[in-house]
Amino acid sequence: MFSYNIYPIYLLQNLPSFESHAELECIRKGVEMKNPLGCLLSLYLTPIGHSVPIVCSRGFDLIEILLQSYRMELVTHSLFFITPLFVGNLEALLSHEK
């Protein structure tokens, strides 16, 4: 049986990144080309959408690309999952310049 207190931490520590997984090359290229689907998948599948410092440094830029593409439903859906990360860490959100 899984311990629900430890299991999410294990999952977050083992999220694939562009540097460590060649399978994510097509998503990386989509982000470089400012493709909305590539940006959304990057937020969902990599640490960019799961870690407060990385969300602040790179994740908001991807959300901005979604906004510029008029993908409001995707922005709302991604913020639905990202916003709880800042509940205990409002200082990171307030200190971010964007």
C-alpha atoms as a PDB file:
ATOM      1  CA  MET A   1       0.000   0.000   0.000  1.00  0.00           C
ATOM      2  CA  PHE A   2       1.247   3.484  -0.875  1.00  0.00           C
ATOM      3  CA  SER A   3       1.751   6.143   1.710  1.00  0.00           C
ATOM      4  CA  TYR A   4      -0.129   9.137   0.340  1.00  0.00           C
ATOM      5  CA  ASN A   5       2.122  11.553   2.200  1.00  0.00           C
ATOM      6  CA  ILE A   6       5.296  10.343   0.482  1.00  0.00           C
ATOM      7  CA  TYR A   7       4.000   9.186  -2.891  1.00  0.00           C
ATOM      8  CA  PRO A   8       3.350  12.688  -4.394  1.00  0.00           C
ATOM      9  CA  ILE A   9       6.848  13.767  -3.428  1.00  0.00           C
ATOM     10  CA  TYR A  10       8.281  10.747  -5.217  1.00  0.00           C
ATOM     11  CA  LEU A  11       6.288  11.605  -8.334  1.00  0.00           C
ATOM     12  CA  LEU A  12       7.392  15.230  -8.344  1.00  0.00           C
ATOM     13  CA  GLN A  13      11.043  14.285  -7.912  1.00  0.00           C
ATOM     14  CA  ASN A  14      10.868  12.004 -10.938  1.00  0.00           C
ATOM     15  CA  LEU A  15       9.146  14.270 -13.429  1.00  0.00           C
ATOM     16  CA  PRO A  16      10.896  14.166 -16.794  1.00  0.00           C
ATOM     17  CA  SER A  17      12.746  17.230 -17.993  1.00  0.00           C
ATOM     18  CA  PHE A  18      13.781  18.255 -21.478  1.00  0.00           C
ATOM     19  CA  GLU A  19      17.420  17.660 -20.636  1.00  0.00           C
ATOM     20  CA  SER A  20      16.991  14.151 -19.264  1.00  0.00           C
ATOM     21  CA  HIS A  21      14.439  12.629 -21.642  1.00  0.00           C
ATOM     22  CA  ALA A  22      14.889  12.574 -25.396  1.00  0.00           C
ATOM     23  CA  GLU A  23      11.216  11.576 -25.736  1.00  0.00           C
ATOM     24  CA  LEU A  24      10.253  15.150 -24.858  1.00  0.00           C
ATOM     25  CA  GLU A  25      12.188  16.627 -27.782  1.00  0.00           C
ATOM     26  CA  CYS A  26       9.013  17.315 -29.766  1.00  0.00           C
ATOM     27  CA  ILE A  27       7.502  19.183 -26.800  1.00  0.00           C
ATOM     28  CA  ARG A  28      10.692  21.219 -26.379  1.00  0.00           C
ATOM     29  CA  LYS A  29      10.553  22.184 -30.048  1.00  0.00           C
ATOM     30  CA  GLY A  30       6.904  23.144 -29.621  1.00  0.00           C
ATOM     31  CA  VAL A  31       7.835  25.441 -26.741  1.00  0.00           C
ATOM     32  CA  GLU A  32      10.629  27.018 -28.788  1.00  0.00           C
ATOM     33  CA  MET A  33       8.165  27.613 -31.660  1.00  0.00           C
ATOM     34  CA  LYS A  34       5.622  29.040 -29.166  1.00  0.00           C
ATOM     35  CA  ASN A  35       3.099  26.351 -30.040  1.00  0.00           C
ATOM     36  CA  PRO A  36       0.215  26.468 -27.521  1.00  0.00           C
ATOM     37  CA  LEU A  37      -0.046  22.677 -27.296  1.00  0.00           C
ATOM     38  CA  GLY A  38       3.695  22.348 -26.661  1.00  0.00           C
ATOM     39  CA  CYS A  39       3.483  24.996 -23.932  1.00  0.00           C
ATOM     40  CA  LEU A  40       0.516  23.290 -22.275  1.00  0.00           C
ATOM     41  CA  LEU A  41       2.162  19.860 -22.355  1.00  0.00           C
ATOM     42  CA  SER A  42       5.339  21.339 -20.950  1.00  0.00           C
ATOM     43  CA  LEU A  43       3.374  22.743 -18.006  1.00  0.00           C
ATOM     44  CA  TYR A  44       1.667  19.408 -17.377  1.00  0.00           C
ATOM     45  CA  LEU A  45       4.516  16.956 -17.967  1.00  0.00           C
ATOM     46  CA  THR A  46       7.663  18.669 -16.722  1.00  0.00           C
ATOM     47  CA  PRO A  47       8.761  20.432 -13.513  1.00  0.00           C
ATOM     48  CA  ILE A  48       7.950  23.761 -15.220  1.00  0.00           C
ATOM     49  CA  GLY A  49       4.369  23.443 -14.006  1.00  0.00           C
ATOM     50  CA  HIS A  50       5.014  21.663 -10.715  1.00  0.00           C
ATOM     51  CA  SER A  51       7.698  23.622  -8.861  1.00  0.00           C
ATOM     52  CA  VAL A  52       7.157  27.144  -7.521  1.00  0.00           C
ATOM     53  CA  PRO A  53      10.586  28.565  -8.465  1.00  0.00           C
ATOM     54  CA  ILE A  54      10.406  27.058 -11.956  1.00  0.00           C
ATOM     55  CA  VAL A  55       6.816  28.211 -12.450  1.00  0.00           C
ATOM     56  CA  CYS A  56       7.946  31.724 -11.562  1.00  0.00           C
ATOM     57  CA  SER A  57      10.970  31.649 -13.852  1.00  0.00           C
ATOM     58  CA  ARG A  58       9.605  29.755 -16.886  1.00  0.00           C
ATOM     59  CA  GLY A  59       6.010  28.676 -16.343  1.00  0.00           C
ATOM     60  CA  PHE A  60       4.408  32.109 -16.460  1.00  0.00           C
ATOM     61  CA  ASP A  61       6.067  32.719 -19.831  1.00  0.00           C
ATOM     62  CA  LEU A  62       4.350  29.613 -21.190  1.00  0.00           C
ATOM     63  CA  ILE A  63       1.014  30.735 -19.770  1.00  0.00           C
ATOM     64  CA  GLU A  64       1.571  34.086 -21.454  1.00  0.00           C
ATOM     65  CA  ILE A  65       2.016  32.299 -24.802  1.00  0.00           C
ATOM     66  CA  LEU A  66      -1.313  30.555 -24.209  1.00  0.00           C
ATOM     67  CA  LEU A  67      -2.907  33.944 -23.474  1.00  0.00           C
ATOM     68  CA  GLN A  68      -1.474  35.483 -26.634  1.00  0.00           C
ATOM     69  CA  SER A  69      -2.915  32.569 -28.601  1.00  0.00           C
ATOM     70  CA  TYR A  70      -6.373  33.270 -27.110  1.00  0.00           C
ATOM     71  CA  ARG A  71      -6.504  29.827 -25.468  1.00  0.00           C
ATOM     72  CA  MET A  72      -8.385  31.026 -22.398  1.00  0.00           C
ATOM     73  CA  GLU A  73      -9.762  27.585 -21.532  1.00  0.00           C
ATOM     74  CA  LEU A  74      -6.234  26.159 -21.478  1.00  0.00           C
ATOM     75  CA  VAL A  75      -4.997  29.071 -19.352  1.00  0.00           C
ATOM     76  CA  THR A  76      -7.820  28.532 -16.873  1.00  0.00           C
ATOM     77  CA  HIS A  77      -7.196  24.796 -16.749  1.00  0.00           C
ATOM     78  CA  SER A  78      -3.465  25.161 -16.188  1.00  0.00           C
ATOM     79  CA  LEU A  79      -3.957  27.837 -13.510  1.00  0.00           C
ATOM     80  CA  PHE A  80      -6.426  25.534 -11.771  1.00  0.00           C
ATOM     81  CA  PHE A  81      -3.529  23.163 -11.100  1.00  0.00           C
ATOM     82  CA  ILE A  82      -0.748  25.724 -10.608  1.00  0.00           C
ATOM     83  CA  THR A  83      -2.525  28.093  -8.207  1.00  0.00           C
ATOM     84  CA  PRO A  84      -2.551  25.660  -5.229  1.00  0.00           C
ATOM     85  CA  LEU A  85       1.258  25.621  -5.330  1.00  0.00           C
ATOM     86  CA  PHE A  86       1.251  29.239  -4.164  1.00  0.00           C
ATOM     87  CA  VAL A  87      -1.177  28.840  -1.242  1.00  0.00           C
ATOM     88  CA  GLY A  88       1.616  28.338   1.273  1.00  0.00           C
ATOM     89  CA  ASN A  89       4.166  30.411  -0.622  1.00  0.00           C
ATOM     90  CA  LEU A  90       2.613  33.774  -1.466  1.00  0.00           C
ATOM     91  CA  GLU A  91       5.972  35.543  -1.166  1.00  0.00           C
ATOM     92  CA  ALA A  92       7.209  33.834  -4.325  1.00  0.00           C
ATOM     93  CA  LEU A  93       4.192  35.045  -6.247  1.00  0.00           C
ATOM     94  CA  LEU A  94       4.403  38.586  -4.870  1.00  0.00           C
ATOM     95  CA  SER A  95       8.123  38.885  -5.532  1.00  0.00           C
ATOM     96  CA  HIS A  96       7.777  37.780  -9.156  1.00  0.00           C
ATOM     97  CA  GLU A  97       8.013  40.757 -11.517  1.00  0.00           C
ATOM     98  CA  LYS A  98       5.360  39.683 -14.076  1.00  0.00           C
END
